[in-house]
Amino acid sequence: MGQVGSRHDTVDYEIDNHVVYLSLDYMPKEWLRLFADLTYNHSEADVDDPHFGGDWYPNYYPTSSDPYSYPAAYFDSDFSESDDWSELEYDQFSTSVGFEWNFWKSFSVTSSFTYRWFDDDEEYLGEDTDGEAYILNVGLMWKF
């Protein structure tokens, strides 16, 4: 339950998150480190419509006797479809593999490849945000 708006109304909301994470780090040689990780996330959220009741107060100058959440101005926004706007369900997958090659104690090269996938099962605020990303990172490290 959460508090919404000027009438101290309670609104039911439900959020579920499920995450799986696996990480591997292996050094087959003193000069070579291999690493990989895998992440999967499934999330769902839903909020009911807030109901503000029929008493509207054009309260432009709040007084100390007003509850702290009263608005400072007339408020008549329509939230009747917020339950549709708030439906959220998505799956997210990310994996990466890489290596670090130590040429000397003070100099090494590192590289990793990452794949990310996102599937938005419910269009959030009218937008479909499905997508994939392929990321290649290469770096030089000099310790001094």
N, C-alpha and C. Protein backbone atom coordinates (compact mmCIF):
# COMPACT_ATOMS: atom_id res chain seq x y z
N MET A 1 0.84 -1.18 0.00
CA MET A 1 0.00 0.00 0.00
C MET A 1 0.88 1.23 0.00
N GLY A 2 0.49 2.23 -0.75
CA GLY A 2 1.22 3.48 -0.77
C GLY A 2 0.27 4.64 -0.60
N GLN A 3 0.81 5.80 -0.32
CA GLN A 3 -0.02 6.99 -0.17
C GLN A 3 0.09 7.81 -1.44
N VAL A 4 -1.04 8.23 -1.99
CA VAL A 4 -1.06 9.02 -3.21
C VAL A 4 -1.97 10.20 -3.02
N GLY A 5 -1.53 11.36 -3.44
CA GLY A 5 -2.40 12.52 -3.54
C GLY A 5 -2.73 13.19 -2.24
N SER A 6 -3.72 14.07 -2.32
CA SER A 6 -4.03 14.96 -1.21
C SER A 6 -5.02 14.37 -0.22
N ARG A 7 -5.57 13.22 -0.49
CA ARG A 7 -6.61 12.67 0.39
C ARG A 7 -6.09 11.50 1.23
N HIS A 8 -4.80 11.32 1.32
CA HIS A 8 -4.21 10.20 2.07
C HIS A 8 -4.81 8.87 1.63
N ASP A 9 -5.07 8.74 0.35
CA ASP A 9 -5.66 7.53 -0.20
C ASP A 9 -4.60 6.43 -0.27
N THR A 10 -4.99 5.21 0.06
CA THR A 10 -4.08 4.09 -0.10
C THR A 10 -4.31 3.46 -1.46
N VAL A 11 -3.23 3.07 -2.11
CA VAL A 11 -3.29 2.50 -3.45
C VAL A 11 -2.54 1.18 -3.42
N ASP A 12 -3.20 0.11 -3.88
CA ASP A 12 -2.54 -1.19 -3.94
C ASP A 12 -1.53 -1.20 -5.08
N TYR A 13 -0.35 -1.70 -4.79
CA TYR A 13 0.63 -1.93 -5.84
C TYR A 13 1.36 -3.23 -5.54
N GLU A 14 1.82 -3.84 -6.61
CA GLU A 14 2.50 -5.12 -6.48
C GLU A 14 3.71 -5.10 -7.39
N ILE A 15 4.86 -5.48 -6.85
CA ILE A 15 6.10 -5.52 -7.61
C ILE A 15 6.76 -6.86 -7.36
N ASP A 16 7.12 -7.57 -8.43
CA ASP A 16 7.84 -8.84 -8.33
C ASP A 16 9.10 -8.74 -9.18
N ASN A 17 10.24 -9.08 -8.60
CA ASN A 17 11.52 -9.12 -9.31
C ASN A 17 12.17 -10.47 -9.06
N HIS A 18 12.68 -11.07 -10.11
CA HIS A 18 13.39 -12.34 -10.00
C HIS A 18 14.71 -12.18 -10.76
N VAL A 19 15.81 -12.42 -10.07
CA VAL A 19 17.14 -12.20 -10.65
C VAL A 19 18.00 -13.45 -10.45
N VAL A 20 18.71 -13.83 -11.52
CA VAL A 20 19.70 -14.90 -11.46
C VAL A 20 21.02 -14.31 -11.94
N TYR A 21 22.09 -14.51 -11.17
CA TYR A 21 23.40 -13.98 -11.54
C TYR A 21 24.46 -15.06 -11.32
N LEU A 22 25.32 -15.24 -12.31
CA LEU A 22 26.40 -16.21 -12.24
C LEU A 22 27.67 -15.53 -12.74
N SER A 23 28.76 -15.69 -12.01
CA SER A 23 30.02 -15.08 -12.39
C SER A 23 31.15 -16.10 -12.27
N LEU A 24 32.05 -16.10 -13.25
CA LEU A 24 33.20 -17.00 -13.25
C LEU A 24 34.47 -16.18 -13.45
N ASP A 25 35.51 -16.55 -12.73
CA ASP A 25 36.81 -15.89 -12.85
C ASP A 25 37.87 -16.99 -12.72
N TYR A 26 38.71 -17.15 -13.74
CA TYR A 26 39.65 -18.27 -13.77
C TYR A 26 41.00 -17.79 -14.28
N MET A 27 42.09 -18.24 -13.63
CA MET A 27 43.45 -17.90 -14.05
C MET A 27 44.19 -19.18 -14.45
N PRO A 28 44.15 -19.57 -15.74
CA PRO A 28 44.86 -20.78 -16.16
C PRO A 28 46.38 -20.62 -16.12
N LYS A 29 46.84 -19.39 -16.28
CA LYS A 29 48.27 -19.06 -16.21
C LYS A 29 48.42 -17.82 -15.34
N GLU A 30 49.61 -17.59 -14.84
CA GLU A 30 49.83 -16.42 -14.00
C GLU A 30 49.61 -15.13 -14.77
N TRP A 31 49.81 -15.16 -16.06
CA TRP A 31 49.71 -13.96 -16.90
C TRP A 31 48.36 -13.84 -17.63
N LEU A 32 47.46 -14.79 -17.42
CA LEU A 32 46.17 -14.77 -18.14
C LEU A 32 45.02 -14.99 -17.16
N ARG A 33 44.05 -14.09 -17.22
CA ARG A 33 42.83 -14.22 -16.41
C ARG A 33 41.64 -14.23 -17.36
N LEU A 34 40.77 -15.22 -17.23
CA LEU A 34 39.54 -15.33 -18.02
C LEU A 34 38.35 -15.05 -17.10
N PHE A 35 37.34 -14.37 -17.64
CA PHE A 35 36.17 -14.07 -16.81
C PHE A 35 34.91 -14.09 -17.66
N ALA A 36 33.79 -14.36 -17.00
CA ALA A 36 32.49 -14.40 -17.67
C ALA A 36 31.40 -14.14 -16.63
N ASP A 37 30.29 -13.59 -17.09
CA ASP A 37 29.13 -13.46 -16.20
C ASP A 37 27.85 -13.57 -17.00
N LEU A 38 26.80 -13.90 -16.28
CA LEU A 38 25.48 -14.12 -16.87
C LEU A 38 24.45 -13.57 -15.90
N THR A 39 23.51 -12.77 -16.42
CA THR A 39 22.45 -12.19 -15.58
C THR A 39 21.12 -12.34 -16.30
N TYR A 40 20.11 -12.77 -15.56
CA TYR A 40 18.74 -12.82 -16.09
C TYR A 40 17.84 -12.14 -15.07
N ASN A 41 16.93 -11.30 -15.55
CA ASN A 41 16.02 -10.57 -14.67
C ASN A 41 14.61 -10.62 -15.27
N HIS A 42 13.64 -10.96 -14.44
CA HIS A 42 12.22 -10.90 -14.84
C HIS A 42 11.51 -10.02 -13.82
N SER A 43 10.84 -8.98 -14.29
CA SER A 43 10.17 -8.04 -13.38
C SER A 43 8.74 -7.80 -13.83
N GLU A 44 7.85 -7.67 -12.84
CA GLU A 44 6.45 -7.32 -13.08
C GLU A 44 6.03 -6.31 -12.03
N ALA A 45 5.19 -5.35 -12.45
CA ALA A 45 4.67 -4.36 -11.50
C ALA A 45 3.28 -3.94 -11.96
N ASP A 46 2.44 -3.58 -10.99
CA ASP A 46 1.08 -3.15 -11.30
C ASP A 46 0.58 -2.26 -10.17
N VAL A 47 -0.07 -1.16 -10.53
CA VAL A 47 -0.62 -0.21 -9.56
C VAL A 47 -2.09 -0.02 -9.86
N ASP A 48 -2.93 0.01 -8.82
CA ASP A 48 -4.36 0.29 -9.00
C ASP A 48 -4.58 1.78 -9.20
N ASP A 49 -5.80 2.13 -9.63
CA ASP A 49 -6.17 3.54 -9.76
C ASP A 49 -6.28 4.18 -8.39
N PRO A 50 -5.70 5.38 -8.22
CA PRO A 50 -5.95 6.10 -6.97
C PRO A 50 -7.32 6.76 -7.01
N HIS A 51 -7.99 6.83 -5.87
CA HIS A 51 -9.29 7.48 -5.77
C HIS A 51 -9.18 8.61 -4.77
N PHE A 52 -9.44 9.82 -5.23
CA PHE A 52 -9.26 10.99 -4.38
C PHE A 52 -10.54 11.43 -3.68
N GLY A 53 -11.65 10.80 -3.99
CA GLY A 53 -12.90 11.21 -3.36
C GLY A 53 -13.48 12.44 -4.04
N GLY A 54 -14.61 12.94 -3.52
CA GLY A 54 -15.29 14.05 -4.16
C GLY A 54 -15.00 15.41 -3.56
N ASP A 55 -14.17 15.50 -2.53
CA ASP A 55 -13.91 16.78 -1.89
C ASP A 55 -12.64 17.39 -2.47
N TRP A 56 -12.80 18.46 -3.24
CA TRP A 56 -11.66 19.15 -3.83
C TRP A 56 -11.47 20.47 -3.12
N TYR A 57 -10.27 20.80 -2.78
CA TYR A 57 -9.97 22.02 -2.05
C TYR A 57 -9.09 22.94 -2.88
N PRO A 58 -9.60 24.12 -3.27
CA PRO A 58 -8.73 25.09 -3.96
C PRO A 58 -7.85 25.79 -2.92
N ASN A 59 -6.85 25.11 -2.45
CA ASN A 59 -6.04 25.56 -1.33
C ASN A 59 -4.73 26.15 -1.86
N TYR A 60 -4.71 27.46 -2.08
CA TYR A 60 -3.52 28.09 -2.66
C TYR A 60 -2.47 28.43 -1.63
N TYR A 61 -2.85 28.57 -0.38
CA TYR A 61 -1.91 28.91 0.68
C TYR A 61 -2.09 27.91 1.81
N PRO A 62 -1.30 26.82 1.79
CA PRO A 62 -1.47 25.81 2.84
C PRO A 62 -1.25 26.40 4.22
N THR A 63 -2.00 25.91 5.16
CA THR A 63 -1.85 26.35 6.55
C THR A 63 -1.23 25.22 7.36
N SER A 64 -0.81 25.52 8.54
CA SER A 64 -0.17 24.50 9.37
C SER A 64 -1.15 23.42 9.79
N SER A 65 -2.46 23.65 9.68
CA SER A 65 -3.44 22.63 10.06
C SER A 65 -3.72 21.64 8.93
N ASP A 66 -3.23 21.93 7.70
CA ASP A 66 -3.44 21.02 6.58
C ASP A 66 -2.49 19.83 6.70
N PRO A 67 -2.97 18.63 6.33
CA PRO A 67 -2.05 17.49 6.29
C PRO A 67 -0.89 17.80 5.33
N TYR A 68 0.26 17.22 5.60
CA TYR A 68 1.47 17.57 4.85
C TYR A 68 1.37 17.26 3.36
N SER A 69 0.47 16.39 2.94
CA SER A 69 0.42 16.04 1.52
C SER A 69 -0.65 16.79 0.75
N TYR A 70 -1.32 17.76 1.37
CA TYR A 70 -2.28 18.55 0.60
C TYR A 70 -1.53 19.32 -0.48
N PRO A 71 -2.11 19.44 -1.66
CA PRO A 71 -1.43 20.21 -2.70
C PRO A 71 -1.53 21.70 -2.39
N ALA A 72 -0.61 22.45 -2.97
CA ALA A 72 -0.62 23.90 -2.76
C ALA A 72 -1.54 24.59 -3.75
N ALA A 73 -2.20 23.85 -4.62
CA ALA A 73 -3.09 24.45 -5.61
C ALA A 73 -4.21 23.46 -5.94
N TYR A 74 -5.21 23.95 -6.64
CA TYR A 74 -6.33 23.11 -7.06
C TYR A 74 -5.81 21.95 -7.90
N PHE A 75 -6.25 20.74 -7.61
CA PHE A 75 -5.72 19.55 -8.26
C PHE A 75 -6.89 18.71 -8.76
N ASP A 76 -6.98 18.56 -10.08
CA ASP A 76 -8.09 17.78 -10.61
C ASP A 76 -7.65 16.86 -11.75
N SER A 77 -6.43 16.37 -11.71
CA SER A 77 -5.95 15.47 -12.76
C SER A 77 -6.73 14.17 -12.74
N ASP A 78 -6.87 13.57 -13.91
CA ASP A 78 -7.60 12.32 -14.05
C ASP A 78 -6.61 11.16 -14.03
N PHE A 79 -6.71 10.30 -13.03
CA PHE A 79 -5.83 9.14 -12.91
C PHE A 79 -6.58 7.85 -13.22
N SER A 80 -7.71 7.93 -13.91
CA SER A 80 -8.57 6.76 -14.07
C SER A 80 -7.94 5.65 -14.90
N GLU A 81 -6.87 5.91 -15.65
CA GLU A 81 -6.24 4.85 -16.43
C GLU A 81 -4.84 4.53 -15.94
N SER A 82 -4.50 4.95 -14.75
CA SER A 82 -3.13 4.71 -14.27
C SER A 82 -2.84 3.23 -14.09
N ASP A 83 -3.86 2.41 -13.86
CA ASP A 83 -3.60 0.98 -13.75
C ASP A 83 -3.11 0.41 -15.07
N ASP A 84 -3.60 0.95 -16.21
CA ASP A 84 -3.10 0.52 -17.52
C ASP A 84 -1.69 1.04 -17.77
N TRP A 85 -1.43 2.29 -17.39
CA TRP A 85 -0.10 2.89 -17.60
C TRP A 85 0.97 2.15 -16.80
N SER A 86 0.59 1.67 -15.64
CA SER A 86 1.59 1.14 -14.72
C SER A 86 1.89 -0.34 -14.91
N GLU A 87 1.20 -1.01 -15.80
CA GLU A 87 1.48 -2.42 -16.01
C GLU A 87 2.87 -2.56 -16.62
N LEU A 88 3.73 -3.23 -15.91
CA LEU A 88 5.12 -3.37 -16.32
C LEU A 88 5.50 -4.83 -16.25
N GLU A 89 6.04 -5.35 -17.34
CA GLU A 89 6.53 -6.73 -17.35
C GLU A 89 7.64 -6.81 -18.38
N TYR A 90 8.82 -7.22 -17.93
CA TYR A 90 9.91 -7.34 -18.88
C TYR A 90 10.88 -8.44 -18.46
N ASP A 91 11.62 -8.92 -19.46
CA ASP A 91 12.69 -9.89 -19.27
C ASP A 91 13.97 -9.25 -19.79
N GLN A 92 15.05 -9.48 -19.07
CA GLN A 92 16.32 -8.88 -19.41
C GLN A 92 17.41 -9.94 -19.25
N PHE A 93 18.28 -10.04 -20.26
CA PHE A 93 19.36 -11.03 -20.23
C PHE A 93 20.65 -10.33 -20.62
N SER A 94 21.71 -10.60 -19.90
CA SER A 94 23.01 -10.01 -20.21
C SER A 94 24.09 -11.05 -19.94
N THR A 95 25.03 -11.17 -20.87
CA THR A 95 26.16 -12.07 -20.67
C THR A 95 27.42 -11.42 -21.24
N SER A 96 28.53 -11.71 -20.61
CA SER A 96 29.80 -11.18 -21.12
C SER A 96 30.91 -12.19 -20.87
N VAL A 97 31.90 -12.16 -21.74
CA VAL A 97 33.10 -12.98 -21.62
C VAL A 97 34.29 -12.08 -21.90
N GLY A 98 35.42 -12.39 -21.28
CA GLY A 98 36.58 -11.56 -21.52
C GLY A 98 37.85 -12.16 -20.97
N PHE A 99 38.94 -11.41 -21.19
CA PHE A 99 40.24 -11.85 -20.69
C PHE A 99 41.08 -10.64 -20.30
N GLU A 100 42.08 -10.91 -19.47
CA GLU A 100 43.11 -9.92 -19.14
C GLU A 100 44.45 -10.61 -19.32
N TRP A 101 45.30 -10.05 -20.18
CA TRP A 101 46.60 -10.61 -20.49
C TRP A 101 47.67 -9.70 -19.90
N ASN A 102 48.41 -10.20 -18.92
CA ASN A 102 49.46 -9.42 -18.26
C ASN A 102 50.79 -9.65 -18.97
N PHE A 103 51.25 -8.63 -19.70
CA PHE A 103 52.54 -8.73 -20.37
C PHE A 103 53.69 -8.58 -19.38
N TRP A 104 53.57 -7.59 -18.50
CA TRP A 104 54.53 -7.35 -17.43
C TRP A 104 53.73 -7.07 -16.18
N LYS A 105 54.41 -6.91 -15.07
CA LYS A 105 53.70 -6.59 -13.82
C LYS A 105 52.94 -5.29 -13.93
N SER A 106 53.45 -4.37 -14.74
CA SER A 106 52.85 -3.04 -14.79
C SER A 106 52.01 -2.79 -16.05
N PHE A 107 51.94 -3.73 -16.98
CA PHE A 107 51.22 -3.49 -18.23
C PHE A 107 50.39 -4.71 -18.61
N SER A 108 49.11 -4.47 -18.94
CA SER A 108 48.23 -5.57 -19.37
C SER A 108 47.21 -5.06 -20.38
N VAL A 109 46.65 -5.99 -21.11
CA VAL A 109 45.58 -5.72 -22.08
C VAL A 109 44.35 -6.48 -21.61
N THR A 110 43.21 -5.84 -21.69
CA THR A 110 41.96 -6.50 -21.31
C THR A 110 40.94 -6.30 -22.43
N SER A 111 40.09 -7.29 -22.60
CA SER A 111 39.05 -7.21 -23.61
C SER A 111 37.84 -8.00 -23.13
N SER A 112 36.66 -7.52 -23.50
CA SER A 112 35.44 -8.25 -23.15
C SER A 112 34.38 -8.02 -24.22
N PHE A 113 33.53 -9.00 -24.37
CA PHE A 113 32.39 -8.91 -25.28
C PHE A 113 31.13 -9.12 -24.46
N THR A 114 30.14 -8.23 -24.65
CA THR A 114 28.89 -8.29 -23.89
C THR A 114 27.71 -8.34 -24.86
N TYR A 115 26.76 -9.20 -24.55
CA TYR A 115 25.50 -9.26 -25.30
C TYR A 115 24.38 -8.96 -24.31
N ARG A 116 23.47 -8.03 -24.69
CA ARG A 116 22.32 -7.70 -23.84
C ARG A 116 21.04 -7.80 -24.66
N TRP A 117 20.01 -8.38 -24.03
CA TRP A 117 18.70 -8.56 -24.66
C TRP A 117 17.64 -8.07 -23.70
N PHE A 118 16.67 -7.31 -24.22
CA PHE A 118 15.60 -6.76 -23.40
C PHE A 118 14.28 -6.99 -24.12
N ASP A 119 13.30 -7.59 -23.43
CA ASP A 119 11.99 -7.84 -24.01
C ASP A 119 10.93 -7.24 -23.09
N ASP A 120 10.26 -6.23 -23.60
CA ASP A 120 9.22 -5.52 -22.85
C ASP A 120 7.88 -6.15 -23.21
N ASP A 121 7.34 -7.00 -22.31
CA ASP A 121 6.08 -7.69 -22.61
C ASP A 121 4.87 -6.77 -22.56
N GLU A 122 4.95 -5.69 -21.82
CA GLU A 122 3.88 -4.68 -21.75
C GLU A 122 4.47 -3.36 -22.20
N GLU A 123 3.83 -2.71 -23.16
CA GLU A 123 4.32 -1.40 -23.58
C GLU A 123 4.10 -0.42 -22.45
N TYR A 124 5.17 0.14 -21.94
CA TYR A 124 5.11 1.04 -20.79
C TYR A 124 4.93 2.47 -21.29
N LEU A 125 3.84 3.12 -20.89
CA LEU A 125 3.48 4.47 -21.34
C LEU A 125 3.46 4.57 -22.86
N GLY A 126 2.99 3.49 -23.51
CA GLY A 126 2.80 3.52 -24.95
C GLY A 126 4.05 3.29 -25.77
N GLU A 127 5.16 2.94 -25.15
CA GLU A 127 6.41 2.74 -25.87
C GLU A 127 6.80 1.27 -25.82
N ASP A 128 7.25 0.74 -26.94
CA ASP A 128 7.79 -0.61 -26.98
C ASP A 128 9.31 -0.49 -26.94
N THR A 129 9.94 -1.05 -25.92
CA THR A 129 11.37 -0.84 -25.74
C THR A 129 12.18 -2.13 -25.88
N ASP A 130 11.71 -3.07 -26.72
CA ASP A 130 12.48 -4.29 -26.96
C ASP A 130 13.79 -3.93 -27.66
N GLY A 131 14.81 -4.75 -27.43
CA GLY A 131 16.04 -4.49 -28.15
C GLY A 131 17.18 -5.40 -27.74
N GLU A 132 18.26 -5.30 -28.52
CA GLU A 132 19.49 -6.04 -28.28
C GLU A 132 20.67 -5.09 -28.38
N ALA A 133 21.75 -5.45 -27.71
CA ALA A 133 22.98 -4.65 -27.81
C ALA A 133 24.17 -5.60 -27.81
N TYR A 134 25.14 -5.27 -28.65
CA TYR A 134 26.40 -6.00 -28.72
C TYR A 134 27.50 -4.99 -28.38
N ILE A 135 28.31 -5.29 -27.38
CA ILE A 135 29.30 -4.33 -26.88
C ILE A 135 30.67 -5.01 -26.83
N LEU A 136 31.67 -4.36 -27.43
CA LEU A 136 33.04 -4.85 -27.38
C LEU A 136 33.89 -3.80 -26.68
N ASN A 137 34.57 -4.20 -25.63
CA ASN A 137 35.47 -3.31 -24.89
C ASN A 137 36.89 -3.83 -24.99
N VAL A 138 37.83 -2.92 -25.25
CA VAL A 138 39.25 -3.25 -25.27
C VAL A 138 39.96 -2.17 -24.47
N GLY A 139 40.87 -2.58 -23.61
CA GLY A 139 41.56 -1.59 -22.79
C GLY A 139 43.01 -1.95 -22.54
N LEU A 140 43.80 -0.92 -22.30
CA LEU A 140 45.20 -1.06 -21.91
C LEU A 140 45.32 -0.57 -20.47
N MET A 141 46.07 -1.31 -19.66
CA MET A 141 46.24 -0.91 -18.27
C MET A 141 47.74 -0.81 -17.98
N TRP A 142 48.13 0.36 -17.51
CA TRP A 142 49.52 0.60 -17.14
C TRP A 142 49.55 1.03 -15.69
N LYS A 143 50.15 0.23 -14.86
CA LYS A 143 50.24 0.53 -13.42
C LYS A 143 51.59 1.17 -13.15
N PHE A 144 51.56 2.30 -12.45
CA PHE A 144 52.83 2.95 -12.10
C PHE A 144 52.78 3.47 -10.68
